[in-house]
Amino acid sequence: MPLSKAEQQKLKEVLKVLSRIKGVRHSFYLTREMREGLAALEKTYPAIGPLTVQNEGILACLRSEHVACIVKDKTFRGPPHPTVVLVNDRGEVIGRELLRGEKQPKGPGRTLMLGQGFVVFADKRASKGARFVLPPVPFKEVEETRGTCSVISSSPSTPGDSFLRKKAMIEDDPELASVVVGFDLS
């Protein structure tokens, strides 16, 4: 069903909001072909040793009525909460990405750093069913835009990022990364 003039105007406004955020180099809406291709890529993550990866955030974004994409550089703001968590078979978080500027958390129990940006809570019980999950993340700039609702965002995998940039004819620069923003109109 075609969009009304008011809906078309709101979509233009959201794209304008996205393009004005510091660090955003490109902004565009995903076509049906892009959405289907990205969904196929994100459903088939290769395992990392015994661990699987689930990009729940991207799959949730792709179920939204509208899906925008930004290509950002390193000056773009950090996320409001971790974009990668390690969960056990009961869904308990047993590890997480550290946010920009965050140090190894102190708390009740032992922690173990994986590289510089990921902490594992050594006192939490792991299991054979542990997996990395990329959850949906709020995206305040679109949430604050009148007429939008159910706003979520997520980063695609490296192959998903490359796929989107190739389809949008955007340079494959390793200094850039994409973020997908799903939302509905209220």
C-alpha atoms as a PDB file:
ATOM      1  CA  MET A   1       0.000   0.000   0.000  1.00  0.00           C
ATOM      2  CA  PRO A   2       1.445   3.403  -0.948  1.00  0.00           C
ATOM      3  CA  LEU A   3       2.444   5.804   1.804  1.00  0.00           C
ATOM      4  CA  SER A   4       0.416   8.932   2.478  1.00  0.00           C
ATOM      5  CA  LYS A   5       2.029  12.347   1.986  1.00  0.00           C
ATOM      6  CA  ALA A   6       2.263  12.726   5.783  1.00  0.00           C
ATOM      7  CA  GLU A   7       4.046   9.359   6.084  1.00  0.00           C
ATOM      8  CA  GLN A   8       6.437  10.236   3.252  1.00  0.00           C
ATOM      9  CA  GLN A   9       7.194  13.558   4.966  1.00  0.00           C
ATOM     10  CA  LYS A  10       7.835  11.808   8.306  1.00  0.00           C
ATOM     11  CA  LEU A  11      10.263   9.363   6.615  1.00  0.00           C
ATOM     12  CA  LYS A  12      12.148  12.297   5.059  1.00  0.00           C
ATOM     13  CA  GLU A  13      12.289  13.950   8.483  1.00  0.00           C
ATOM     14  CA  VAL A  14      13.744  10.804  10.113  1.00  0.00           C
ATOM     15  CA  LEU A  15      16.418  10.576   7.411  1.00  0.00           C
ATOM     16  CA  LYS A  16      17.262  14.258   7.991  1.00  0.00           C
ATOM     17  CA  VAL A  17      17.578  13.631  11.742  1.00  0.00           C
ATOM     18  CA  LEU A  18      19.898  10.682  11.090  1.00  0.00           C
ATOM     19  CA  SER A  19      22.066  12.556   8.608  1.00  0.00           C
ATOM     20  CA  ARG A  20      22.630  15.438  11.062  1.00  0.00           C
ATOM     21  CA  ILE A  21      24.054  13.259  13.857  1.00  0.00           C
ATOM     22  CA  LYS A  22      27.767  13.824  14.450  1.00  0.00           C
ATOM     23  CA  GLY A  23      29.785  11.055  12.825  1.00  0.00           C
ATOM     24  CA  VAL A  24      27.124   9.977  10.307  1.00  0.00           C
ATOM     25  CA  ARG A  25      28.560   9.934   6.795  1.00  0.00           C
ATOM     26  CA  HIS A  26      25.588   8.401   4.928  1.00  0.00           C
ATOM     27  CA  SER A  27      21.937   7.645   5.666  1.00  0.00           C
ATOM     28  CA  PHE A  28      19.407   5.775   3.556  1.00  0.00           C
ATOM     29  CA  TYR A  29      16.441   3.401   3.746  1.00  0.00           C
ATOM     30  CA  LEU A  30      16.859  -0.291   3.057  1.00  0.00           C
ATOM     31  CA  THR A  31      15.137  -1.581  -0.061  1.00  0.00           C
ATOM     32  CA  ARG A  32      13.234  -4.872  -0.006  1.00  0.00           C
ATOM     33  CA  GLU A  33      16.246  -6.535  -1.670  1.00  0.00           C
ATOM     34  CA  MET A  34      18.575  -5.149   1.009  1.00  0.00           C
ATOM     35  CA  ARG A  35      16.269  -6.292   3.809  1.00  0.00           C
ATOM     36  CA  GLU A  36      15.964  -9.823   2.432  1.00  0.00           C
ATOM     37  CA  GLY A  37      19.699 -10.134   1.715  1.00  0.00           C
ATOM     38  CA  LEU A  38      20.665  -8.836   5.151  1.00  0.00           C
ATOM     39  CA  ALA A  39      18.184 -11.186   6.861  1.00  0.00           C
ATOM     40  CA  ALA A  40      19.675 -14.171   5.026  1.00  0.00           C
ATOM     41  CA  LEU A  41      23.223 -13.156   6.017  1.00  0.00           C
ATOM     42  CA  GLU A  42      22.379 -12.510   9.668  1.00  0.00           C
ATOM     43  CA  LYS A  43      20.604 -15.854  10.126  1.00  0.00           C
ATOM     44  CA  THR A  44      23.728 -17.803   9.171  1.00  0.00           C
ATOM     45  CA  TYR A  45      26.553 -16.661  11.446  1.00  0.00           C
ATOM     46  CA  PRO A  46      29.431 -19.114  11.572  1.00  0.00           C
ATOM     47  CA  ALA A  47      30.145 -20.476  15.055  1.00  0.00           C
ATOM     48  CA  ILE A  48      33.147 -19.147  16.980  1.00  0.00           C
ATOM     49  CA  GLY A  49      34.566 -22.412  18.247  1.00  0.00           C
ATOM     50  CA  PRO A  50      31.862 -23.933  20.469  1.00  0.00           C
ATOM     51  CA  LEU A  51      29.948 -20.614  20.654  1.00  0.00           C
ATOM     52  CA  THR A  52      27.206 -19.502  18.301  1.00  0.00           C
ATOM     53  CA  VAL A  53      26.329 -15.909  17.457  1.00  0.00           C
ATOM     54  CA  GLN A  54      22.766 -14.585  17.235  1.00  0.00           C
ATOM     55  CA  ASN A  55      22.142 -11.096  15.873  1.00  0.00           C
ATOM     56  CA  GLU A  56      18.739 -10.670  17.512  1.00  0.00           C
ATOM     57  CA  GLY A  57      18.973  -6.893  17.102  1.00  0.00           C
ATOM     58  CA  ILE A  58      19.236  -6.922  13.301  1.00  0.00           C
ATOM     59  CA  LEU A  59      16.493  -9.513  12.938  1.00  0.00           C
ATOM     60  CA  ALA A  60      14.223  -7.404  15.191  1.00  0.00           C
ATOM     61  CA  CYS A  61      15.037  -4.250  13.186  1.00  0.00           C
ATOM     62  CA  LEU A  62      14.154  -6.025   9.951  1.00  0.00           C
ATOM     63  CA  ARG A  63      10.677  -6.841  11.315  1.00  0.00           C
ATOM     64  CA  SER A  64      10.006  -3.103  11.684  1.00  0.00           C
ATOM     65  CA  GLU A  65       7.747  -1.227   9.303  1.00  0.00           C
ATOM     66  CA  HIS A  66      10.638   1.044   8.210  1.00  0.00           C
ATOM     67  CA  VAL A  67      14.355   0.330   8.276  1.00  0.00           C
ATOM     68  CA  ALA A  68      16.994   3.018   7.846  1.00  0.00           C
ATOM     69  CA  CYS A  69      20.750   2.588   7.787  1.00  0.00           C
ATOM     70  CA  ILE A  70      23.518   4.954   8.749  1.00  0.00           C
ATOM     71  CA  VAL A  71      27.180   4.592   7.880  1.00  0.00           C
ATOM     72  CA  LYS A  72      29.212   6.155  10.674  1.00  0.00           C
ATOM     73  CA  ASP A  73      32.785   7.030  11.518  1.00  0.00           C
ATOM     74  CA  LYS A  74      34.609   6.884  14.867  1.00  0.00           C
ATOM     75  CA  THR A  75      33.236  10.253  16.022  1.00  0.00           C
ATOM     76  CA  PHE A  76      29.701   8.812  16.282  1.00  0.00           C
ATOM     77  CA  ARG A  77      28.430   8.539  19.876  1.00  0.00           C
ATOM     78  CA  GLY A  78      28.753   5.291  21.795  1.00  0.00           C
ATOM     79  CA  PRO A  79      25.768   3.007  22.412  1.00  0.00           C
ATOM     80  CA  PRO A  80      23.676   3.400  25.585  1.00  0.00           C
ATOM     81  CA  HIS A  81      24.306  -0.218  26.622  1.00  0.00           C
ATOM     82  CA  PRO A  82      26.422  -3.178  25.433  1.00  0.00           C
ATOM     83  CA  THR A  83      25.862  -4.304  21.851  1.00  0.00           C
ATOM     84  CA  VAL A  84      27.301  -7.790  22.488  1.00  0.00           C
ATOM     85  CA  VAL A  85      26.561 -10.051  25.444  1.00  0.00           C
ATOM     86  CA  LEU A  86      27.513 -13.629  26.236  1.00  0.00           C
ATOM     87  CA  VAL A  87      24.582 -15.625  27.646  1.00  0.00           C
ATOM     88  CA  ASN A  88      24.342 -19.140  29.030  1.00  0.00           C
ATOM     89  CA  ASP A  89      21.668 -21.695  28.126  1.00  0.00           C
ATOM     90  CA  ARG A  90      19.339 -20.159  30.755  1.00  0.00           C
ATOM     91  CA  GLY A  91      19.635 -16.696  29.191  1.00  0.00           C
ATOM     92  CA  GLU A  92      21.748 -15.264  32.032  1.00  0.00           C
ATOM     93  CA  VAL A  93      24.379 -12.737  30.975  1.00  0.00           C
ATOM     94  CA  ILE A  94      27.790 -14.249  31.703  1.00  0.00           C
ATOM     95  CA  GLY A  95      29.814 -11.666  29.802  1.00  0.00           C
ATOM     96  CA  ARG A  96      29.420  -8.360  27.972  1.00  0.00           C
ATOM     97  CA  GLU A  97      31.085  -5.730  25.870  1.00  0.00           C
ATOM     98  CA  LEU A  98      32.522  -2.791  27.773  1.00  0.00           C
ATOM     99  CA  LEU A  99      31.174   0.600  26.781  1.00  0.00           C
ATOM    100  CA  ARG A 100      33.487   3.324  25.466  1.00  0.00           C
ATOM    101  CA  GLY A 101      35.704   4.529  28.315  1.00  0.00           C
ATOM    102  CA  GLU A 102      34.479   1.858  30.757  1.00  0.00           C
ATOM    103  CA  LYS A 103      37.073  -0.014  32.819  1.00  0.00           C
ATOM    104  CA  GLN A 104      36.878  -3.621  33.986  1.00  0.00           C
ATOM    105  CA  PRO A 105      33.845  -3.698  36.281  1.00  0.00           C
ATOM    106  CA  LYS A 106      34.374  -4.281  39.975  1.00  0.00           C
ATOM    107  CA  GLY A 107      31.727  -6.247  41.707  1.00  0.00           C
ATOM    108  CA  PRO A 108      30.872  -9.192  43.826  1.00  0.00           C
ATOM    109  CA  GLY A 109      32.760 -11.969  42.131  1.00  0.00           C
ATOM    110  CA  ARG A 110      35.583 -12.586  39.779  1.00  0.00           C
ATOM    111  CA  THR A 111      35.805 -11.082  36.294  1.00  0.00           C
ATOM    112  CA  LEU A 112      38.031 -12.002  33.399  1.00  0.00           C
ATOM    113  CA  MET A 113      38.893  -9.734  30.456  1.00  0.00           C
ATOM    114  CA  LEU A 114      38.765 -11.060  26.904  1.00  0.00           C
ATOM    115  CA  GLY A 115      40.916  -8.622  24.993  1.00  0.00           C
ATOM    116  CA  GLN A 116      40.453  -4.969  25.896  1.00  0.00           C
ATOM    117  CA  GLY A 117      36.730  -4.612  25.390  1.00  0.00           C
ATOM    118  CA  PHE A 118      34.905  -7.665  26.743  1.00  0.00           C
ATOM    119  CA  VAL A 119      34.440  -8.914  30.309  1.00  0.00           C
ATOM    120  CA  VAL A 120      33.372 -12.399  31.402  1.00  0.00           C
ATOM    121  CA  PHE A 121      31.824 -12.863  34.826  1.00  0.00           C
ATOM    122  CA  ALA A 122      33.825 -15.888  35.939  1.00  0.00           C
ATOM    123  CA  ASP A 123      31.530 -16.675  38.884  1.00  0.00           C
ATOM    124  CA  LYS A 124      28.472 -17.067  36.625  1.00  0.00           C
ATOM    125  CA  ARG A 125      27.802 -20.582  35.440  1.00  0.00           C
ATOM    126  CA  ALA A 126      28.604 -21.197  31.783  1.00  0.00           C
ATOM    127  CA  SER A 127      27.273 -24.152  29.850  1.00  0.00           C
ATOM    128  CA  LYS A 128      27.516 -25.895  26.514  1.00  0.00           C
ATOM    129  CA  GLY A 129      24.683 -23.676  25.280  1.00  0.00           C
ATOM    130  CA  ALA A 130      26.552 -20.379  25.777  1.00  0.00           C
ATOM    131  CA  ARG A 131      26.225 -17.984  22.846  1.00  0.00           C
ATOM    132  CA  PHE A 132      27.029 -14.434  21.843  1.00  0.00           C
ATOM    133  CA  VAL A 133      23.919 -12.299  21.368  1.00  0.00           C
ATOM    134  CA  LEU A 134      23.719  -8.907  19.689  1.00  0.00           C
ATOM    135  CA  PRO A 135      20.583  -7.415  21.284  1.00  0.00           C
ATOM    136  CA  PRO A 136      18.465  -4.552  19.951  1.00  0.00           C
ATOM    137  CA  VAL A 137      19.678  -1.160  21.194  1.00  0.00           C
ATOM    138  CA  PRO A 138      17.626   2.028  21.681  1.00  0.00           C
ATOM    139  CA  PHE A 139      18.279   4.879  19.237  1.00  0.00           C
ATOM    140  CA  LYS A 140      17.381   8.119  21.019  1.00  0.00           C
ATOM    141  CA  GLU A 141      17.497  10.517  18.059  1.00  0.00           C
ATOM    142  CA  VAL A 142      14.728   8.640  16.228  1.00  0.00           C
ATOM    143  CA  GLU A 143      12.834   7.888  19.469  1.00  0.00           C
ATOM    144  CA  GLU A 144      12.695  11.662  20.072  1.00  0.00           C
ATOM    145  CA  THR A 145      11.245  12.296  16.597  1.00  0.00           C
ATOM    146  CA  ARG A 146       7.492  12.885  16.871  1.00  0.00           C
ATOM    147  CA  GLY A 147       5.426  10.292  15.091  1.00  0.00           C
ATOM    148  CA  THR A 148       7.856   7.379  15.490  1.00  0.00           C
ATOM    149  CA  CYS A 149       7.508   4.394  17.814  1.00  0.00           C
ATOM    150  CA  SER A 150       9.039   0.965  18.481  1.00  0.00           C
ATOM    151  CA  VAL A 151      12.503   2.312  17.625  1.00  0.00           C
ATOM    152  CA  ILE A 152      15.441  -0.117  17.852  1.00  0.00           C
ATOM    153  CA  SER A 153      18.875  -0.355  16.300  1.00  0.00           C
ATOM    154  CA  SER A 154      21.652  -2.865  15.824  1.00  0.00           C
ATOM    155  CA  SER A 155      24.934  -3.353  14.019  1.00  0.00           C
ATOM    156  CA  PRO A 156      25.105  -5.918  11.244  1.00  0.00           C
ATOM    157  CA  SER A 157      27.872  -8.499  11.010  1.00  0.00           C
ATOM    158  CA  THR A 158      30.948  -7.661   8.940  1.00  0.00           C
ATOM    159  CA  PRO A 159      29.484  -9.473   5.885  1.00  0.00           C
ATOM    160  CA  GLY A 160      26.145  -7.695   6.479  1.00  0.00           C
ATOM    161  CA  ASP A 161      27.895  -4.324   6.704  1.00  0.00           C
ATOM    162  CA  SER A 162      29.781  -4.980   3.447  1.00  0.00           C
ATOM    163  CA  PHE A 163      26.586  -6.162   1.745  1.00  0.00           C
ATOM    164  CA  LEU A 164      24.673  -2.990   2.695  1.00  0.00           C
ATOM    165  CA  ARG A 165      27.463  -0.650   1.621  1.00  0.00           C
ATOM    166  CA  LYS A 166      27.905  -2.461  -1.685  1.00  0.00           C
ATOM    167  CA  LYS A 167      24.164  -2.298  -2.421  1.00  0.00           C
ATOM    168  CA  ALA A 168      24.097   1.415  -1.474  1.00  0.00           C
ATOM    169  CA  MET A 169      27.247   2.032  -3.577  1.00  0.00           C
ATOM    170  CA  ILE A 170      29.195   3.348  -0.568  1.00  0.00           C
ATOM    171  CA  GLU A 171      32.950   2.902  -0.342  1.00  0.00           C
ATOM    172  CA  ASP A 172      34.258  -0.080   1.615  1.00  0.00           C
ATOM    173  CA  ASP A 173      36.303   1.893   4.123  1.00  0.00           C
ATOM    174  CA  PRO A 174      37.408  -0.066   7.240  1.00  0.00           C
ATOM    175  CA  GLU A 175      37.156   3.164   9.269  1.00  0.00           C
ATOM    176  CA  LEU A 176      33.363   3.190   8.717  1.00  0.00           C
ATOM    177  CA  ALA A 177      30.614   0.932  10.051  1.00  0.00           C
ATOM    178  CA  SER A 178      26.886   0.695   9.570  1.00  0.00           C
ATOM    179  CA  VAL A 179      24.012   0.711  12.043  1.00  0.00           C
ATOM    180  CA  VAL A 180      20.485  -0.308  11.118  1.00  0.00           C
ATOM    181  CA  VAL A 181      17.542   1.537  12.717  1.00  0.00           C
ATOM    182  CA  GLY A 182      14.088  -0.016  12.649  1.00  0.00           C
ATOM    183  CA  PHE A 183      10.930   1.887  13.582  1.00  0.00           C
ATOM    184  CA  ASP A 184       7.218   2.208  13.007  1.00  0.00           C
ATOM    185  CA  LEU A 185       5.159   5.322  12.445  1.00  0.00           C
ATOM    186  CA  SER A 186       2.564   6.099  15.114  1.00  0.00           C
END
